[in-house]
Amino acid sequence: MKKVKSLTHLKNLAHEKKSVVCPKHPAWAKSHPAAFVINLSGFMLENLFSLGLFVYLPNKARTGLAAGRVKNQGSAKAAIR
């Protein structure tokens, strides 16, 4: 996961319609749209940046072609039957 280090980076993520997470904070461990997060108070943003704010990547993007491999395994099972 790529770390968000500045407000400019967060603003760019909002324009790209990306989401962010803060794994060390229980309320922010789930993904939230960057456009929502950038409108938080400065105090809260400073807290999130100090804990570590990261760009959210869905499981599909993190695992690469894993979904394709599962699909191929399913096809192999169908071929055996």
PDB file of N, CA and C in Angstrom:
ATOM      1  N   MET A   1       0.839  -1.175   0.000  1.00  0.00           N
ATOM      2  CA  MET A   1       0.000   0.000   0.000  1.00  0.00           C
ATOM      3  C   MET A   1       0.883   1.238   0.000  1.00  0.00           C
ATOM      4  N   LYS A   2       0.453   2.243  -0.728  1.00  0.00           N
ATOM      5  CA  LYS A   2       1.211   3.478  -0.842  1.00  0.00           C
ATOM      6  C   LYS A   2       0.774   4.462   0.237  1.00  0.00           C
ATOM      7  N   LYS A   3       1.717   5.054   0.941  1.00  0.00           N
ATOM      8  CA  LYS A   3       1.422   5.968   2.026  1.00  0.00           C
ATOM      9  C   LYS A   3       1.067   7.351   1.492  1.00  0.00           C
ATOM     10  N   VAL A   4       0.052   7.961   2.088  1.00  0.00           N
ATOM     11  CA  VAL A   4      -0.349   9.329   1.758  1.00  0.00           C
ATOM     12  C   VAL A   4       0.447  10.248   2.678  1.00  0.00           C
ATOM     13  N   LYS A   5       1.254  11.136   2.102  1.00  0.00           N
ATOM     14  CA  LYS A   5       2.160  11.944   2.908  1.00  0.00           C
ATOM     15  C   LYS A   5       1.794  13.419   2.973  1.00  0.00           C
ATOM     16  N   SER A   6       0.880  13.885   2.124  1.00  0.00           N
ATOM     17  CA  SER A   6       0.560  15.312   2.122  1.00  0.00           C
ATOM     18  C   SER A   6      -0.894  15.554   1.740  1.00  0.00           C
ATOM     19  N   LEU A   7      -1.344  16.777   2.013  1.00  0.00           N
ATOM     20  CA  LEU A   7      -2.694  17.159   1.608  1.00  0.00           C
ATOM     21  C   LEU A   7      -2.830  17.192   0.095  1.00  0.00           C
ATOM     22  N   THR A   8      -1.759  17.560  -0.593  1.00  0.00           N
ATOM     23  CA  THR A   8      -1.783  17.585  -2.052  1.00  0.00           C
ATOM     24  C   THR A   8      -2.015  16.175  -2.604  1.00  0.00           C
ATOM     25  N   HIS A   9      -1.333  15.209  -2.035  1.00  0.00           N
ATOM     26  CA  HIS A   9      -1.516  13.817  -2.456  1.00  0.00           C
ATOM     27  C   HIS A   9      -2.954  13.372  -2.180  1.00  0.00           C
ATOM     28  N   LEU A  10      -3.499  13.747  -1.014  1.00  0.00           N
ATOM     29  CA  LEU A  10      -4.874  13.404  -0.668  1.00  0.00           C
ATOM     30  C   LEU A  10      -5.859  14.079  -1.633  1.00  0.00           C
ATOM     31  N   LYS A  11      -5.572  15.333  -2.004  1.00  0.00           N
ATOM     32  CA  LYS A  11      -6.425  16.048  -2.954  1.00  0.00           C
ATOM     33  C   LYS A  11      -6.417  15.357  -4.312  1.00  0.00           C
ATOM     34  N   ASN A  12      -5.245  14.928  -4.763  1.00  0.00           N
ATOM     35  CA  ASN A  12      -5.145  14.217  -6.041  1.00  0.00           C
ATOM     36  C   ASN A  12      -5.911  12.895  -6.002  1.00  0.00           C
ATOM     37  N   LEU A  13      -5.856  12.199  -4.874  1.00  0.00           N
ATOM     38  CA  LEU A  13      -6.604  10.950  -4.721  1.00  0.00           C
ATOM     39  C   LEU A  13      -8.109  11.214  -4.771  1.00  0.00           C
ATOM     40  N   ALA A  14      -8.528  12.336  -4.208  1.00  0.00           N
ATOM     41  CA  ALA A  14      -9.948  12.696  -4.248  1.00  0.00           C
ATOM     42  C   ALA A  14     -10.392  12.951  -5.689  1.00  0.00           C
ATOM     43  N   HIS A  15      -9.550  13.623  -6.467  1.00  0.00           N
ATOM     44  CA  HIS A  15      -9.879  13.875  -7.876  1.00  0.00           C
ATOM     45  C   HIS A  15      -9.912  12.580  -8.682  1.00  0.00           C
ATOM     46  N   GLU A  16      -9.094  11.611  -8.291  1.00  0.00           N
ATOM     47  CA  GLU A  16      -9.058  10.311  -8.976  1.00  0.00           C
ATOM     48  C   GLU A  16     -10.121   9.348  -8.439  1.00  0.00           C
ATOM     49  N   LYS A  17     -10.914   9.806  -7.462  1.00  0.00           N
ATOM     50  CA  LYS A  17     -11.985   9.011  -6.843  1.00  0.00           C
ATOM     51  C   LYS A  17     -11.449   7.733  -6.199  1.00  0.00           C
ATOM     52  N   LYS A  18     -10.344   7.877  -5.466  1.00  0.00           N
ATOM     53  CA  LYS A  18      -9.739   6.758  -4.742  1.00  0.00           C
ATOM     54  C   LYS A  18     -10.172   6.785  -3.283  1.00  0.00           C
ATOM     55  N   SER A  19      -9.898   5.711  -2.576  1.00  0.00           N
ATOM     56  CA  SER A  19     -10.211   5.607  -1.158  1.00  0.00           C
ATOM     57  C   SER A  19      -8.930   5.454  -0.354  1.00  0.00           C
ATOM     58  N   VAL A  20      -9.013   5.772   0.948  1.00  0.00           N
ATOM     59  CA  VAL A  20      -7.859   5.670   1.839  1.00  0.00           C
ATOM     60  C   VAL A  20      -8.254   4.906   3.097  1.00  0.00           C
ATOM     61  N   VAL A  21      -7.251   4.359   3.771  1.00  0.00           N
ATOM     62  CA  VAL A  21      -7.449   3.641   5.030  1.00  0.00           C
ATOM     63  C   VAL A  21      -6.359   4.039   6.016  1.00  0.00           C
ATOM     64  N   CYS A  22      -6.678   3.877   7.303  1.00  0.00           N
ATOM     65  CA  CYS A  22      -5.697   4.066   8.373  1.00  0.00           C
ATOM     66  C   CYS A  22      -5.781   2.817   9.254  1.00  0.00           C
ATOM     67  N   PRO A  23      -4.961   1.811   8.968  1.00  0.00           N
ATOM     68  CA  PRO A  23      -5.074   0.517   9.663  1.00  0.00           C
ATOM     69  C   PRO A  23      -4.892   0.583  11.177  1.00  0.00           C
ATOM     70  N   LYS A  24      -4.180   1.575  11.696  1.00  0.00           N
ATOM     71  CA  LYS A  24      -3.913   1.649  13.135  1.00  0.00           C
ATOM     72  C   LYS A  24      -5.043   2.312  13.922  1.00  0.00           C
ATOM     73  N   HIS A  25      -6.025   2.878  13.246  1.00  0.00           N
ATOM     74  CA  HIS A  25      -7.153   3.539  13.908  1.00  0.00           C
ATOM     75  C   HIS A  25      -8.405   2.710  13.680  1.00  0.00           C
ATOM     76  N   PRO A  26      -9.062   2.242  14.754  1.00  0.00           N
ATOM     77  CA  PRO A  26     -10.186   1.319  14.583  1.00  0.00           C
ATOM     78  C   PRO A  26     -11.331   1.863  13.727  1.00  0.00           C
ATOM     79  N   ALA A  27     -11.629   3.145  13.839  1.00  0.00           N
ATOM     80  CA  ALA A  27     -12.743   3.713  13.070  1.00  0.00           C
ATOM     81  C   ALA A  27     -12.392   3.954  11.609  1.00  0.00           C
ATOM     82  N   TRP A  28     -11.114   4.034  11.305  1.00  0.00           N
ATOM     83  CA  TRP A  28     -10.680   4.342   9.938  1.00  0.00           C
ATOM     84  C   TRP A  28      -9.984   3.170   9.269  1.00  0.00           C
ATOM     85  N   ALA A  29     -10.094   1.973   9.847  1.00  0.00           N
ATOM     86  CA  ALA A  29      -9.455   0.789   9.263  1.00  0.00           C
ATOM     87  C   ALA A  29     -10.160   0.347   7.989  1.00  0.00           C
ATOM     88  N   LYS A  30     -11.438   0.712   7.838  1.00  0.00           N
ATOM     89  CA  LYS A  30     -12.157   0.421   6.592  1.00  0.00           C
ATOM     90  C   LYS A  30     -11.918   1.562   5.621  1.00  0.00           C
ATOM     91  N   SER A  31     -12.114   1.294   4.357  1.00  0.00           N
ATOM     92  CA  SER A  31     -11.843   2.324   3.343  1.00  0.00           C
ATOM     93  C   SER A  31     -12.891   3.434   3.391  1.00  0.00           C
ATOM     94  N   HIS A  32     -12.410   4.651   3.176  1.00  0.00           N
ATOM     95  CA  HIS A  32     -13.252   5.846   3.088  1.00  0.00           C
ATOM     96  C   HIS A  32     -12.810   6.641   1.867  1.00  0.00           C
ATOM     97  N   PRO A  33     -13.743   7.254   1.145  1.00  0.00           N
ATOM     98  CA  PRO A  33     -13.367   8.052  -0.021  1.00  0.00           C
ATOM     99  C   PRO A  33     -12.446   9.210   0.378  1.00  0.00           C
ATOM    100  N   ALA A  34     -11.425   9.441  -0.419  1.00  0.00           N
ATOM    101  CA  ALA A  34     -10.480  10.527  -0.143  1.00  0.00           C
ATOM    102  C   ALA A  34     -11.192  11.871  -0.147  1.00  0.00           C
ATOM    103  N   ALA A  35     -12.238  12.032  -0.965  1.00  0.00           N
ATOM    104  CA  ALA A  35     -12.991  13.283  -1.013  1.00  0.00           C
ATOM    105  C   ALA A  35     -13.681  13.552   0.328  1.00  0.00           C
ATOM    106  N   PHE A  36     -14.067  12.519   1.043  1.00  0.00           N
ATOM    107  CA  PHE A  36     -14.659  12.675   2.373  1.00  0.00           C
ATOM    108  C   PHE A  36     -13.578  13.015   3.395  1.00  0.00           C
ATOM    109  N   VAL A  37     -12.474  12.301   3.349  1.00  0.00           N
ATOM    110  CA  VAL A  37     -11.402  12.458   4.338  1.00  0.00           C
ATOM    111  C   VAL A  37     -10.782  13.844   4.258  1.00  0.00           C
ATOM    112  N   ILE A  38     -10.644  14.391   3.063  1.00  0.00           N
ATOM    113  CA  ILE A  38      -9.993  15.699   2.925  1.00  0.00           C
ATOM    114  C   ILE A  38     -10.820  16.814   3.569  1.00  0.00           C
ATOM    115  N   ASN A  39     -12.101  16.573   3.814  1.00  0.00           N
ATOM    116  CA  ASN A  39     -12.958  17.570   4.453  1.00  0.00           C
ATOM    117  C   ASN A  39     -13.002  17.459   5.975  1.00  0.00           C
ATOM    118  N   LEU A  40     -12.205  16.570   6.564  1.00  0.00           N
ATOM    119  CA  LEU A  40     -12.123  16.456   8.017  1.00  0.00           C
ATOM    120  C   LEU A  40     -11.368  17.649   8.590  1.00  0.00           C
ATOM    121  N   SER A  41     -11.483  17.841   9.889  1.00  0.00           N
ATOM    122  CA  SER A  41     -10.755  18.939  10.538  1.00  0.00           C
ATOM    123  C   SER A  41      -9.252  18.690  10.480  1.00  0.00           C
ATOM    124  N   GLY A  42      -8.501  19.752  10.593  1.00  0.00           N
ATOM    125  CA  GLY A  42      -7.038  19.645  10.564  1.00  0.00           C
ATOM    126  C   GLY A  42      -6.504  18.765  11.672  1.00  0.00           C
ATOM    127  N   PHE A  43      -7.132  18.837  12.848  1.00  0.00           N
ATOM    128  CA  PHE A  43      -6.709  18.012  13.977  1.00  0.00           C
ATOM    129  C   PHE A  43      -6.829  16.531  13.634  1.00  0.00           C
ATOM    130  N   MET A  44      -7.968  16.155  13.044  1.00  0.00           N
ATOM    131  CA  MET A  44      -8.185  14.745  12.693  1.00  0.00           C
ATOM    132  C   MET A  44      -7.239  14.312  11.570  1.00  0.00           C
ATOM    133  N   LEU A  45      -7.042  15.180  10.578  1.00  0.00           N
ATOM    134  CA  LEU A  45      -6.116  14.840   9.488  1.00  0.00           C
ATOM    135  C   LEU A  45      -4.694  14.656  10.012  1.00  0.00           C
ATOM    136  N   GLU A  46      -4.260  15.528  10.917  1.00  0.00           N
ATOM    137  CA  GLU A  46      -2.921  15.396  11.492  1.00  0.00           C
ATOM    138  C   GLU A  46      -2.785  14.063  12.227  1.00  0.00           C
ATOM    139  N   ASN A  47      -3.826  13.682  12.947  1.00  0.00           N
ATOM    140  CA  ASN A  47      -3.832  12.409  13.668  1.00  0.00           C
ATOM    141  C   ASN A  47      -3.728  11.239  12.689  1.00  0.00           C
ATOM    142  N   LEU A  48      -4.513  11.271  11.611  1.00  0.00           N
ATOM    143  CA  LEU A  48      -4.473  10.187  10.624  1.00  0.00           C
ATOM    144  C   LEU A  48      -3.120  10.109   9.924  1.00  0.00           C
ATOM    145  N   PHE A  49      -2.552  11.277   9.579  1.00  0.00           N
ATOM    146  CA  PHE A  49      -1.237  11.273   8.929  1.00  0.00           C
ATOM    147  C   PHE A  49      -0.169  10.710   9.862  1.00  0.00           C
ATOM    148  N   SER A  50      -0.240  11.050  11.156  1.00  0.00           N
ATOM    149  CA  SER A  50       0.777  10.551  12.087  1.00  0.00           C
ATOM    150  C   SER A  50       0.639   9.042  12.312  1.00  0.00           C
ATOM    151  N   LEU A  51      -0.600   8.526  12.291  1.00  0.00           N
ATOM    152  CA  LEU A  51      -0.802   7.084  12.444  1.00  0.00           C
ATOM    153  C   LEU A  51      -0.460   6.310  11.177  1.00  0.00           C
ATOM    154  N   GLY A  52      -0.587   6.964  10.037  1.00  0.00           N
ATOM    155  CA  GLY A  52      -0.293   6.324   8.755  1.00  0.00           C
ATOM    156  C   GLY A  52      -1.545   6.176   7.919  1.00  0.00           C
ATOM    157  N   LEU A  53      -1.701   7.017   6.921  1.00  0.00           N
ATOM    158  CA  LEU A  53      -2.835   6.993   6.010  1.00  0.00           C
ATOM    159  C   LEU A  53      -2.353   6.412   4.690  1.00  0.00           C
ATOM    160  N   PHE A  54      -3.072   5.419   4.171  1.00  0.00           N
ATOM    161  CA  PHE A  54      -2.630   4.706   2.978  1.00  0.00           C
ATOM    162  C   PHE A  54      -3.715   4.685   1.911  1.00  0.00           C
ATOM    163  N   VAL A  55      -3.289   4.578   0.655  1.00  0.00           N
ATOM    164  CA  VAL A  55      -4.223   4.425  -0.463  1.00  0.00           C
ATOM    165  C   VAL A  55      -4.804   3.028  -0.383  1.00  0.00           C
ATOM    166  N   TYR A  56      -6.124   2.920  -0.464  1.00  0.00           N
ATOM    167  CA  TYR A  56      -6.801   1.634  -0.390  1.00  0.00           C
ATOM    168  C   TYR A  56      -6.713   0.909  -1.724  1.00  0.00           C
ATOM    169  N   LEU A  57      -6.321  -0.346  -1.672  1.00  0.00           N
ATOM    170  CA  LEU A  57      -6.306  -1.206  -2.849  1.00  0.00           C
ATOM    171  C   LEU A  57      -7.230  -2.384  -2.591  1.00  0.00           C
ATOM    172  N   PRO A  58      -8.247  -2.586  -3.427  1.00  0.00           N
ATOM    173  CA  PRO A  58      -9.126  -3.740  -3.231  1.00  0.00           C
ATOM    174  C   PRO A  58      -8.349  -5.045  -3.337  1.00  0.00           C
ATOM    175  N   ASN A  59      -8.888  -6.116  -2.786  1.00  0.00           N
ATOM    176  CA  ASN A  59      -8.221  -7.432  -2.815  1.00  0.00           C
ATOM    177  C   ASN A  59      -7.826  -7.819  -4.229  1.00  0.00           C
ATOM    178  N   LYS A  60      -8.674  -7.534  -5.195  1.00  0.00           N
ATOM    179  CA  LYS A  60      -8.396  -7.893  -6.582  1.00  0.00           C
ATOM    180  C   LYS A  60      -7.114  -7.225  -7.080  1.00  0.00           C
ATOM    181  N   ALA A  61      -6.911  -5.958  -6.726  1.00  0.00           N
ATOM    182  CA  ALA A  61      -5.716  -5.238  -7.159  1.00  0.00           C
ATOM    183  C   ALA A  61      -4.476  -5.711  -6.404  1.00  0.00           C
ATOM    184  N   ARG A  62      -4.634  -6.087  -5.118  1.00  0.00           N
ATOM    185  CA  ARG A  62      -3.487  -6.524  -4.328  1.00  0.00           C
ATOM    186  C   ARG A  62      -2.977  -7.889  -4.753  1.00  0.00           C
ATOM    187  N   THR A  63      -3.861  -8.763  -5.187  1.00  0.00           N
ATOM    188  CA  THR A  63      -3.453 -10.125  -5.503  1.00  0.00           C
ATOM    189  C   THR A  63      -3.059 -10.305  -6.963  1.00  0.00           C
ATOM    190  N   GLY A  64      -3.246  -9.282  -7.769  1.00  0.00           N
ATOM    191  CA  GLY A  64      -2.846  -9.372  -9.171  1.00  0.00           C
ATOM    192  C   GLY A  64      -3.741 -10.291  -9.956  1.00  0.00           C
ATOM    193  N   LEU A  65      -3.192 -11.393 -10.427  1.00  0.00           N
ATOM    194  CA  LEU A  65      -3.951 -12.307 -11.280  1.00  0.00           C
ATOM    195  C   LEU A  65      -4.562 -13.469 -10.507  1.00  0.00           C
ATOM    196  N   ALA A  66      -4.635 -13.347  -9.205  1.00  0.00           N
ATOM    197  CA  ALA A  66      -5.170 -14.457  -8.408  1.00  0.00           C
ATOM    198  C   ALA A  66      -6.594 -14.801  -8.817  1.00  0.00           C
ATOM    199  N   ALA A  67      -7.390 -13.805  -9.139  1.00  0.00           N
ATOM    200  CA  ALA A  67      -8.771 -14.076  -9.552  1.00  0.00           C
ATOM    201  C   ALA A  67      -8.780 -14.903 -10.837  1.00  0.00           C
ATOM    202  N   GLY A  68      -7.852 -14.630 -11.745  1.00  0.00           N
ATOM    203  CA  GLY A  68      -7.756 -15.397 -12.977  1.00  0.00           C
ATOM    204  C   GLY A  68      -7.365 -16.843 -12.709  1.00  0.00           C
ATOM    205  N   ARG A  69      -6.477 -17.054 -11.731  1.00  0.00           N
ATOM    206  CA  ARG A  69      -6.061 -18.404 -11.390  1.00  0.00           C
ATOM    207  C   ARG A  69      -7.224 -19.199 -10.809  1.00  0.00           C
ATOM    208  N   VAL A  70      -8.013 -18.565  -9.966  1.00  0.00           N
ATOM    209  CA  VAL A  70      -9.170 -19.248  -9.378  1.00  0.00           C
ATOM    210  C   VAL A  70     -10.144 -19.625 -10.481  1.00  0.00           C
ATOM    211  N   LYS A  71     -10.334 -18.724 -11.418  1.00  0.00           N
ATOM    212  CA  LYS A  71     -11.256 -19.005 -12.523  1.00  0.00           C
ATOM    213  C   LYS A  71     -10.748 -20.196 -13.339  1.00  0.00           C
ATOM    214  N   ASN A  72      -9.448 -20.234 -13.585  1.00  0.00           N
ATOM    215  CA  ASN A  72      -8.888 -21.335 -14.355  1.00  0.00           C
ATOM    216  C   ASN A  72      -9.009 -22.658 -13.593  1.00  0.00           C
ATOM    217  N   GLN A  73      -8.814 -22.633 -12.279  1.00  0.00           N
ATOM    218  CA  GLN A  73      -8.965 -23.850 -11.495  1.00  0.00           C
ATOM    219  C   GLN A  73     -10.392 -24.347 -11.550  1.00  0.00           C
ATOM    220  N   GLY A  74     -11.342 -23.429 -11.533  1.00  0.00           N
ATOM    221  CA  GLY A  74     -12.748 -23.808 -11.641  1.00  0.00           C
ATOM    222  C   GLY A  74     -13.009 -24.471 -12.978  1.00  0.00           C
ATOM    223  N   SER A  75     -12.389 -23.956 -14.031  1.00  0.00           N
ATOM    224  CA  SER A  75     -12.558 -24.538 -15.363  1.00  0.00           C
ATOM    225  C   SER A  75     -11.964 -25.942 -15.418  1.00  0.00           C
ATOM    226  N   ALA A  76     -10.865 -26.155 -14.716  1.00  0.00           N
ATOM    227  CA  ALA A  76     -10.233 -27.468 -14.698  1.00  0.00           C
ATOM    228  C   ALA A  76     -11.133 -28.469 -13.987  1.00  0.00           C
ATOM    229  N   LYS A  77     -11.786 -28.020 -12.912  1.00  0.00           N
ATOM    230  CA  LYS A  77     -12.708 -28.902 -12.209  1.00  0.00           C
ATOM    231  C   LYS A  77     -13.884 -29.267 -13.089  1.00  0.00           C
ATOM    232  N   ALA A  78     -14.351 -28.306 -13.866  1.00  0.00           N
ATOM    233  CA  ALA A  78     -15.476 -28.566 -14.768  1.00  0.00           C
ATOM    234  C   ALA A  78     -15.054 -29.544 -15.860  1.00  0.00           C
ATOM    235  N   ALA A  79     -13.796 -29.472 -16.306  1.00  0.00           N
ATOM    236  CA  ALA A  79     -13.308 -30.373 -17.349  1.00  0.00           C
ATOM    237  C   ALA A  79     -13.194 -31.809 -16.831  1.00  0.00           C
ATOM    238  N   ILE A  80     -12.898 -31.970 -15.551  1.00  0.00           N
ATOM    239  CA  ILE A  80     -12.752 -33.303 -14.954  1.00  0.00           C
ATOM    240  C   ILE A  80     -14.115 -33.988 -14.883  1.00  0.00           C
ATOM    241  N   ARG A  81     -15.150 -33.209 -14.579  1.00  0.00           N
ATOM    242  CA  ARG A  81     -16.495 -33.789 -14.458  1.00  0.00           C
ATOM    243  C   ARG A  81     -16.943 -34.208 -15.795  1.00  0.00           C
TER     244      ARG A  81
END
